[in-house]
Amino acid sequence: MTKRRGVTGKEQEERNIEKERRENEKKEMERRDKERREKERREKERRERNRREKDKEQEKNENDESDKNIKSEHN
């Protein structure tokens, strides 16, 4: 039978440090992922807002053009 040796204090400390490092890396990855998703959400909202503004402006221009045509027909 082989004897199983116990974990020394130094080995346990190294394991704890490694575990903490992995946990910190995981938290950092989650934080970065959250920031990325938030940035993408804001960018999507900005594009949508710009699209609506552009559509609104285009509709206004079309209405103005239509009004001009109607006025010229009456003259």
C-alpha atoms as a PDB file:
ATOM      1  CA  MET A   1       0.000   0.000   0.000  1.00  0.00           C
ATOM      2  CA  THR A   2       1.185   3.426  -0.798  1.00  0.00           C
ATOM      3  CA  LYS A   3       0.945   6.067   1.768  1.00  0.00           C
ATOM      4  CA  ARG A   4      -0.909   9.180   0.777  1.00  0.00           C
ATOM      5  CA  ARG A   5       0.832  12.289   1.885  1.00  0.00           C
ATOM      6  CA  GLY A   6      -1.085  15.295   3.083  1.00  0.00           C
ATOM      7  CA  VAL A   7      -1.125  18.688   1.490  1.00  0.00           C
ATOM      8  CA  THR A   8       1.369  21.067   3.008  1.00  0.00           C
ATOM      9  CA  GLY A   9       0.454  24.565   4.025  1.00  0.00           C
ATOM     10  CA  LYS A  10       2.467  25.992   1.139  1.00  0.00           C
ATOM     11  CA  GLU A  11       0.755  23.712  -1.384  1.00  0.00           C
ATOM     12  CA  GLN A  12      -2.660  24.631   0.000  1.00  0.00           C
ATOM     13  CA  GLU A  13      -1.758  28.307  -0.175  1.00  0.00           C
ATOM     14  CA  GLU A  14      -0.690  27.888  -3.821  1.00  0.00           C
ATOM     15  CA  ARG A  15      -3.956  26.095  -4.602  1.00  0.00           C
ATOM     16  CA  ASN A  16      -5.935  28.876  -2.939  1.00  0.00           C
ATOM     17  CA  ILE A  17      -4.022  31.534  -4.875  1.00  0.00           C
ATOM     18  CA  GLU A  18      -4.632  29.683  -8.153  1.00  0.00           C
ATOM     19  CA  LYS A  19      -8.326  29.272  -7.333  1.00  0.00           C
ATOM     20  CA  GLU A  20      -8.627  32.978  -6.518  1.00  0.00           C
ATOM     21  CA  ARG A  21      -6.811  33.875  -9.756  1.00  0.00           C
ATOM     22  CA  ARG A  22      -9.249  31.749 -11.798  1.00  0.00           C
ATOM     23  CA  GLU A  23     -12.212  33.333 -10.010  1.00  0.00           C
ATOM     24  CA  ASN A  24     -10.842  36.814 -10.693  1.00  0.00           C
ATOM     25  CA  GLU A  25     -10.304  35.967 -14.367  1.00  0.00           C
ATOM     26  CA  LYS A  26     -13.873  34.679 -14.602  1.00  0.00           C
ATOM     27  CA  LYS A  27     -15.249  37.848 -12.984  1.00  0.00           C
ATOM     28  CA  GLU A  28     -13.158  40.003 -15.320  1.00  0.00           C
ATOM     29  CA  MET A  29     -14.417  38.085 -18.375  1.00  0.00           C
ATOM     30  CA  GLU A  30     -18.008  38.484 -17.171  1.00  0.00           C
ATOM     31  CA  ARG A  31     -17.465  42.217 -16.598  1.00  0.00           C
ATOM     32  CA  ARG A  32     -15.977  42.679 -20.072  1.00  0.00           C
ATOM     33  CA  ASP A  33     -18.800  40.667 -21.629  1.00  0.00           C
ATOM     34  CA  LYS A  34     -21.376  42.787 -19.815  1.00  0.00           C
ATOM     35  CA  GLU A  35     -19.662  45.978 -21.001  1.00  0.00           C
ATOM     36  CA  ARG A  36     -19.550  44.664 -24.571  1.00  0.00           C
ATOM     37  CA  ARG A  37     -23.254  43.782 -24.531  1.00  0.00           C
ATOM     38  CA  GLU A  38     -24.105  47.204 -23.090  1.00  0.00           C
ATOM     39  CA  LYS A  39     -22.011  48.936 -25.750  1.00  0.00           C
ATOM     40  CA  GLU A  40     -23.711  46.894 -28.486  1.00  0.00           C
ATOM     41  CA  ARG A  41     -27.139  47.748 -27.036  1.00  0.00           C
ATOM     42  CA  ARG A  42     -26.348  51.476 -26.994  1.00  0.00           C
ATOM     43  CA  GLU A  43     -24.982  51.307 -30.543  1.00  0.00           C
ATOM     44  CA  LYS A  44     -28.104  49.490 -31.742  1.00  0.00           C
ATOM     45  CA  GLU A  45     -30.309  52.125 -30.085  1.00  0.00           C
ATOM     46  CA  ARG A  46     -28.257  54.902 -31.677  1.00  0.00           C
ATOM     47  CA  ARG A  47     -28.569  53.356 -35.148  1.00  0.00           C
ATOM     48  CA  GLU A  48     -32.309  52.891 -34.669  1.00  0.00           C
ATOM     49  CA  ARG A  49     -32.706  56.493 -33.519  1.00  0.00           C
ATOM     50  CA  ASN A  50     -30.718  57.719 -36.525  1.00  0.00           C
ATOM     51  CA  ARG A  51     -32.800  55.582 -38.865  1.00  0.00           C
ATOM     52  CA  ARG A  52     -36.044  56.976 -37.430  1.00  0.00           C
ATOM     53  CA  GLU A  53     -34.732  60.526 -37.737  1.00  0.00           C
ATOM     54  CA  LYS A  54     -33.680  59.895 -41.314  1.00  0.00           C
ATOM     55  CA  ASP A  55     -37.075  58.382 -42.157  1.00  0.00           C
ATOM     56  CA  LYS A  56     -38.804  61.317 -40.512  1.00  0.00           C
ATOM     57  CA  GLU A  57     -36.677  63.806 -42.451  1.00  0.00           C
ATOM     58  CA  GLN A  58     -37.281  61.941 -45.706  1.00  0.00           C
ATOM     59  CA  GLU A  59     -41.030  61.914 -45.085  1.00  0.00           C
ATOM     60  CA  LYS A  60     -40.952  65.646 -44.350  1.00  0.00           C
ATOM     61  CA  ASN A  61     -39.061  66.291 -47.587  1.00  0.00           C
ATOM     62  CA  GLU A  62     -41.524  64.182 -49.556  1.00  0.00           C
ATOM     63  CA  ASN A  63     -44.433  66.079 -48.012  1.00  0.00           C
ATOM     64  CA  ASP A  64     -42.793  69.407 -48.794  1.00  0.00           C
ATOM     65  CA  GLU A  65     -42.228  68.320 -52.384  1.00  0.00           C
ATOM     66  CA  SER A  66     -45.819  67.145 -52.667  1.00  0.00           C
ATOM     67  CA  ASP A  67     -47.050  70.483 -51.286  1.00  0.00           C
ATOM     68  CA  LYS A  68     -44.964  72.341 -53.864  1.00  0.00           C
ATOM     69  CA  ASN A  69     -46.416  70.241 -56.671  1.00  0.00           C
ATOM     70  CA  ILE A  70     -49.957  70.841 -55.487  1.00  0.00           C
ATOM     71  CA  LYS A  71     -49.369  74.600 -55.275  1.00  0.00           C
ATOM     72  CA  SER A  72     -47.849  74.723 -58.756  1.00  0.00           C
ATOM     73  CA  GLU A  73     -50.824  72.809 -60.180  1.00  0.00           C
ATOM     74  CA  HIS A  74     -53.223  75.369 -58.733  1.00  0.00           C
ATOM     75  CA  ASN A  75     -51.339  78.297 -60.246  1.00  0.00           C
END
